[in-house]
PDB file of N, CA and C in Angstrom:
ATOM      1  N   MET A   1      69.060 -19.617 -69.707  1.00  0.00           N
ATOM      2  CA  MET A   1      68.204 -20.582 -70.390  1.00  0.00           C
ATOM      3  C   MET A   1      66.952 -19.857 -70.894  1.00  0.00           C
ATOM      4  N   ASN A   2      66.570 -20.216 -72.093  1.00  0.00           N
ATOM      5  CA  ASN A   2      65.343 -19.623 -72.612  1.00  0.00           C
ATOM      6  C   ASN A   2      64.150 -20.503 -72.235  1.00  0.00           C
ATOM      7  N   ASN A   3      62.973 -20.075 -72.601  1.00  0.00           N
ATOM      8  CA  ASN A   3      61.740 -20.756 -72.204  1.00  0.00           C
ATOM      9  C   ASN A   3      61.670 -22.183 -72.748  1.00  0.00           C
ATOM     10  N   THR A   4      62.116 -22.394 -73.995  1.00  0.00           N
ATOM     11  CA  THR A   4      62.072 -23.724 -74.599  1.00  0.00           C
ATOM     12  C   THR A   4      62.979 -24.696 -73.858  1.00  0.00           C
ATOM     13  N   SER A   5      64.162 -24.256 -73.523  1.00  0.00           N
ATOM     14  CA  SER A   5      65.092 -25.115 -72.784  1.00  0.00           C
ATOM     15  C   SER A   5      64.558 -25.446 -71.401  1.00  0.00           C
ATOM     16  N   THR A   6      63.932 -24.492 -70.765  1.00  0.00           N
ATOM     17  CA  THR A   6      63.360 -24.729 -69.437  1.00  0.00           C
ATOM     18  C   THR A   6      62.249 -25.762 -69.509  1.00  0.00           C
ATOM     19  N   LEU A   7      61.355 -25.595 -70.480  1.00  0.00           N
ATOM     20  CA  LEU A   7      60.258 -26.560 -70.622  1.00  0.00           C
ATOM     21  C   LEU A   7      60.777 -27.943 -70.985  1.00  0.00           C
ATOM     22  N   ARG A   8      61.796 -28.007 -71.825  1.00  0.00           N
ATOM     23  CA  ARG A   8      62.391 -29.288 -72.196  1.00  0.00           C
ATOM     24  C   ARG A   8      63.008 -29.958 -70.963  1.00  0.00           C
ATOM     25  N   GLY A   9      63.693 -29.196 -70.140  1.00  0.00           N
ATOM     26  CA  GLY A   9      64.284 -29.746 -68.923  1.00  0.00           C
ATOM     27  C   GLY A   9      63.236 -30.233 -67.939  1.00  0.00           C
ATOM     28  N   ILE A  10      62.153 -29.463 -67.797  1.00  0.00           N
ATOM     29  CA  ILE A  10      61.064 -29.878 -66.901  1.00  0.00           C
ATOM     30  C   ILE A  10      60.434 -31.163 -67.406  1.00  0.00           C
ATOM     31  N   PHE A  11      60.225 -31.266 -68.722  1.00  0.00           N
ATOM     32  CA  PHE A  11      59.645 -32.477 -69.292  1.00  0.00           C
ATOM     33  C   PHE A  11      60.508 -33.698 -68.993  1.00  0.00           C
ATOM     34  N   TRP A  12      61.816 -33.618 -69.296  1.00  0.00           N
ATOM     35  CA  TRP A  12      62.687 -34.770 -69.097  1.00  0.00           C
ATOM     36  C   TRP A  12      62.849 -35.120 -67.619  1.00  0.00           C
ATOM     37  N   ALA A  13      62.907 -34.109 -66.775  1.00  0.00           N
ATOM     38  CA  ALA A  13      62.989 -34.380 -65.336  1.00  0.00           C
ATOM     39  C   ALA A  13      61.715 -35.071 -64.853  1.00  0.00           C
ATOM     40  N   GLY A  14      60.553 -34.591 -65.313  1.00  0.00           N
ATOM     41  CA  GLY A  14      59.290 -35.217 -64.941  1.00  0.00           C
ATOM     42  C   GLY A  14      59.190 -36.644 -65.443  1.00  0.00           C
ATOM     43  N   LEU A  15      59.654 -36.870 -66.669  1.00  0.00           N
ATOM     44  CA  LEU A  15      59.628 -38.223 -67.219  1.00  0.00           C
ATOM     45  C   LEU A  15      60.524 -39.159 -66.421  1.00  0.00           C
ATOM     46  N   LEU A  16      61.703 -38.699 -66.074  1.00  0.00           N
ATOM     47  CA  LEU A  16      62.612 -39.530 -65.279  1.00  0.00           C
ATOM     48  C   LEU A  16      62.050 -39.819 -63.894  1.00  0.00           C
ATOM     49  N   VAL A  17      61.415 -38.825 -63.281  1.00  0.00           N
ATOM     50  CA  VAL A  17      60.798 -39.034 -61.965  1.00  0.00           C
ATOM     51  C   VAL A  17      59.663 -40.047 -62.075  1.00  0.00           C
ATOM     52  N   PHE A  18      58.844 -39.926 -63.116  1.00  0.00           N
ATOM     53  CA  PHE A  18      57.750 -40.878 -63.308  1.00  0.00           C
ATOM     54  C   PHE A  18      58.277 -42.291 -63.525  1.00  0.00           C
ATOM     55  N   LEU A  19      59.295 -42.448 -64.370  1.00  0.00           N
ATOM     56  CA  LEU A  19      59.841 -43.785 -64.619  1.00  0.00           C
ATOM     57  C   LEU A  19      60.448 -44.386 -63.358  1.00  0.00           C
ATOM     58  N   ALA A  20      61.138 -43.567 -62.568  1.00  0.00           N
ATOM     59  CA  ALA A  20      61.709 -44.063 -61.316  1.00  0.00           C
ATOM     60  C   ALA A  20      60.615 -44.479 -60.350  1.00  0.00           C
ATOM     61  N   TRP A  21      59.548 -43.689 -60.266  1.00  0.00           N
ATOM     62  CA  TRP A  21      58.423 -44.037 -59.396  1.00  0.00           C
ATOM     63  C   TRP A  21      57.759 -45.320 -59.877  1.00  0.00           C
ATOM     64  N   ASP A  22      57.518 -45.443 -61.174  1.00  0.00           N
ATOM     65  CA  ASP A  22      56.874 -46.628 -61.727  1.00  0.00           C
ATOM     66  C   ASP A  22      57.721 -47.869 -61.498  1.00  0.00           C
ATOM     67  N   TRP A  23      59.021 -47.758 -61.711  1.00  0.00           N
ATOM     68  CA  TRP A  23      59.917 -48.882 -61.530  1.00  0.00           C
ATOM     69  C   TRP A  23      59.963 -49.321 -60.063  1.00  0.00           C
ATOM     70  N   SER A  24      59.862 -48.368 -59.144  1.00  0.00           N
ATOM     71  CA  SER A  24      59.931 -48.708 -57.722  1.00  0.00           C
ATOM     72  C   SER A  24      58.618 -49.294 -57.201  1.00  0.00           C
ATOM     73  N   ARG A  25      57.495 -48.997 -57.850  1.00  0.00           N
ATOM     74  CA  ARG A  25      56.181 -49.432 -57.360  1.00  0.00           C
ATOM     75  C   ARG A  25      55.674 -50.736 -57.986  1.00  0.00           C
ATOM     76  N   THR A  26      56.202 -51.146 -59.141  1.00  0.00           N
ATOM     77  CA  THR A  26      55.684 -52.332 -59.811  1.00  0.00           C
ATOM     78  C   THR A  26      56.428 -53.572 -59.356  1.00  0.00           C
ATOM     79  N   PRO A  27      55.704 -54.694 -59.282  1.00  0.00           N
ATOM     80  CA  PRO A  27      56.380 -55.940 -58.918  1.00  0.00           C
ATOM     81  C   PRO A  27      57.250 -56.415 -60.078  1.00  0.00           C
ATOM     82  N   PRO A  28      58.259 -57.214 -59.788  1.00  0.00           N
ATOM     83  CA  PRO A  28      59.111 -57.713 -60.868  1.00  0.00           C
ATOM     84  C   PRO A  28      58.317 -58.606 -61.823  1.00  0.00           C
ATOM     85  N   ILE A  29      58.709 -58.606 -63.069  1.00  0.00           N
ATOM     86  CA  ILE A  29      58.032 -59.400 -64.087  1.00  0.00           C
ATOM     87  C   ILE A  29      58.544 -60.830 -64.033  1.00  0.00           C
ATOM     88  N   ASP A  30      57.612 -61.782 -63.988  1.00  0.00           N
ATOM     89  CA  ASP A  30      57.966 -63.196 -64.030  1.00  0.00           C
ATOM     90  C   ASP A  30      57.935 -63.625 -65.496  1.00  0.00           C
ATOM     91  N   LEU A  31      59.095 -63.709 -66.121  1.00  0.00           N
ATOM     92  CA  LEU A  31      59.162 -63.990 -67.545  1.00  0.00           C
ATOM     93  C   LEU A  31      58.640 -65.376 -67.890  1.00  0.00           C
ATOM     94  N   ARG A  32      58.611 -66.293 -66.938  1.00  0.00           N
ATOM     95  CA  ARG A  32      58.107 -67.640 -67.212  1.00  0.00           C
ATOM     96  C   ARG A  32      56.588 -67.675 -67.305  1.00  0.00           C
ATOM     97  N   GLN A  33      55.898 -66.688 -66.757  1.00  0.00           N
ATOM     98  CA  GLN A  33      54.443 -66.651 -66.785  1.00  0.00           C
ATOM     99  C   GLN A  33      53.890 -65.715 -67.849  1.00  0.00           C
ATOM    100  N   GLU A  34      54.758 -64.990 -68.537  1.00  0.00           N
ATOM    101  CA  GLU A  34      54.312 -64.066 -69.568  1.00  0.00           C
ATOM    102  C   GLU A  34      53.940 -64.827 -70.832  1.00  0.00           C
ATOM    103  N   PRO A  35      52.880 -64.399 -71.527  1.00  0.00           N
ATOM    104  CA  PRO A  35      52.559 -65.040 -72.806  1.00  0.00           C
ATOM    105  C   PRO A  35      53.615 -64.682 -73.847  1.00  0.00           C
ATOM    106  N   PRO A  36      53.776 -65.516 -74.861  1.00  0.00           N
ATOM    107  CA  PRO A  36      54.763 -65.186 -75.882  1.00  0.00           C
ATOM    108  C   PRO A  36      54.377 -63.921 -76.636  1.00  0.00           C
ATOM    109  N   LEU A  37      55.373 -63.149 -77.036  1.00  0.00           N
ATOM    110  CA  LEU A  37      55.104 -61.927 -77.782  1.00  0.00           C
ATOM    111  C   LEU A  37      54.463 -62.240 -79.117  1.00  0.00           C
ATOM    112  N   ILE A  38      54.923 -63.279 -79.749  1.00  0.00           N
ATOM    113  CA  ILE A  38      54.368 -63.660 -81.043  1.00  0.00           C
ATOM    114  C   ILE A  38      54.320 -65.181 -81.060  1.00  0.00           C
ATOM    115  N   ALA A  39      53.183 -65.718 -81.410  1.00  0.00           N
ATOM    116  CA  ALA A  39      53.008 -67.167 -81.369  1.00  0.00           C
ATOM    117  C   ALA A  39      53.000 -67.769 -82.759  1.00  0.00           C
ATOM    118  N   ALA A  40      53.390 -67.023 -83.767  1.00  0.00           N
ATOM    119  CA  ALA A  40      53.378 -67.531 -85.134  1.00  0.00           C
ATOM    120  C   ALA A  40      54.360 -68.686 -85.271  1.00  0.00           C
ATOM    121  N   GLY A  41      53.862 -69.831 -85.685  1.00  0.00           N
ATOM    122  CA  GLY A  41      54.707 -70.996 -85.904  1.00  0.00           C
ATOM    123  C   GLY A  41      55.106 -71.718 -84.644  1.00  0.00           C
ATOM    124  N   SER A  42      54.517 -71.377 -83.518  1.00  0.00           N
ATOM    125  CA  SER A  42      54.915 -72.025 -82.275  1.00  0.00           C
ATOM    126  C   SER A  42      54.088 -73.261 -81.973  1.00  0.00           C
ATOM    127  N   GLY A  43      53.026 -73.500 -82.766  1.00  0.00           N
ATOM    128  CA  GLY A  43      52.166 -74.647 -82.515  1.00  0.00           C
ATOM    129  C   GLY A  43      51.031 -74.341 -81.568  1.00  0.00           C
ATOM    130  N   GLN A  44      50.982 -73.145 -81.012  1.00  0.00           N
ATOM    131  CA  GLN A  44      49.905 -72.787 -80.103  1.00  0.00           C
ATOM    132  C   GLN A  44      48.682 -72.381 -80.896  1.00  0.00           C
ATOM    133  N   GLU A  45      47.505 -72.781 -80.385  1.00  0.00           N
ATOM    134  CA  GLU A  45      46.263 -72.399 -81.041  1.00  0.00           C
ATOM    135  C   GLU A  45      45.961 -70.928 -80.768  1.00  0.00           C
ATOM    136  N   VAL A  46      45.228 -70.341 -81.693  1.00  0.00           N
ATOM    137  CA  VAL A  46      44.803 -68.958 -81.518  1.00  0.00           C
ATOM    138  C   VAL A  46      43.709 -68.938 -80.469  1.00  0.00           C
ATOM    139  N   SER A  47      43.819 -68.026 -79.508  1.00  0.00           N
ATOM    140  CA  SER A  47      42.833 -67.976 -78.429  1.00  0.00           C
ATOM    141  C   SER A  47      41.848 -66.843 -78.594  1.00  0.00           C
ATOM    142  N   GLY A  48      42.016 -66.018 -79.608  1.00  0.00           N
ATOM    143  CA  GLY A  48      41.120 -64.888 -79.815  1.00  0.00           C
ATOM    144  C   GLY A  48      40.510 -64.936 -81.190  1.00  0.00           C
ATOM    145  N   GLY A  49      39.700 -63.965 -81.463  1.00  0.00           N
ATOM    146  CA  GLY A  49      39.077 -63.886 -82.769  1.00  0.00           C
ATOM    147  C   GLY A  49      39.372 -62.552 -83.405  1.00  0.00           C
ATOM    148  N   HIS A  50      38.721 -62.299 -84.484  1.00  0.00           N
ATOM    149  CA  HIS A  50      38.862 -61.036 -85.179  1.00  0.00           C
ATOM    150  C   HIS A  50      37.475 -60.453 -85.336  1.00  0.00           C
ATOM    151  N   CYS A  51      37.341 -59.145 -85.228  1.00  0.00           N
ATOM    152  CA  CYS A  51      36.031 -58.527 -85.271  1.00  0.00           C
ATOM    153  C   CYS A  51      35.361 -58.680 -86.628  1.00  0.00           C
ATOM    154  N   ALA A  52      36.140 -58.945 -87.684  1.00  0.00           N
ATOM    155  CA  ALA A  52      35.568 -59.106 -89.013  1.00  0.00           C
ATOM    156  C   ALA A  52      35.273 -60.571 -89.334  1.00  0.00           C
ATOM    157  N   MET A  53      35.545 -61.467 -88.382  1.00  0.00           N
ATOM    158  CA  MET A  53      35.317 -62.890 -88.619  1.00  0.00           C
ATOM    159  C   MET A  53      33.808 -63.160 -88.554  1.00  0.00           C
ATOM    160  N   ALA A  54      33.315 -63.913 -89.519  1.00  0.00           N
ATOM    161  CA  ALA A  54      31.901 -64.241 -89.551  1.00  0.00           C
ATOM    162  C   ALA A  54      31.555 -65.147 -88.374  1.00  0.00           C
ATOM    163  N   PRO A  55      30.346 -65.010 -87.815  1.00  0.00           N
ATOM    164  CA  PRO A  55      29.943 -65.879 -86.706  1.00  0.00           C
ATOM    165  C   PRO A  55      29.991 -67.336 -87.138  1.00  0.00           C
ATOM    166  N   GLY A  56      30.493 -68.177 -86.275  1.00  0.00           N
ATOM    167  CA  GLY A  56      30.581 -69.595 -86.570  1.00  0.00           C
ATOM    168  C   GLY A  56      31.863 -69.979 -87.298  1.00  0.00           C
ATOM    169  N   GLU A  57      32.681 -69.027 -87.689  1.00  0.00           N
ATOM    170  CA  GLU A  57      33.915 -69.308 -88.403  1.00  0.00           C
ATOM    171  C   GLU A  57      35.070 -69.598 -87.447  1.00  0.00           C
ATOM    172  N   ALA A  58      34.919 -69.217 -86.200  1.00  0.00           N
ATOM    173  CA  ALA A  58      35.989 -69.425 -85.227  1.00  0.00           C
ATOM    174  C   ALA A  58      36.167 -70.914 -84.996  1.00  0.00           C
ATOM    175  N   GLY A  59      37.381 -71.341 -84.965  1.00  0.00           N
ATOM    176  CA  GLY A  59      37.689 -72.723 -84.667  1.00  0.00           C
ATOM    177  C   GLY A  59      37.747 -73.615 -85.891  1.00  0.00           C
ATOM    178  N   LYS A  60      37.532 -73.072 -87.073  1.00  0.00           N
ATOM    179  CA  LYS A  60      37.627 -73.895 -88.289  1.00  0.00           C
ATOM    180  C   LYS A  60      39.033 -73.931 -88.787  1.00  0.00           C
TER     181      LYS A  60
END
């Protein structure tokens, strides 16, 4: 194996070890409590603002 292949193998092994560790340490995701990924057209009000929004324009 040359140096590039060795480094590539170390990278992928490290990534797999990290993902396995992360998966084992995090609690399971409760999909019923997660906010929707996209609320466009769902009838939900916008809960945030935009940094370019003029003061007093929120909620109109």
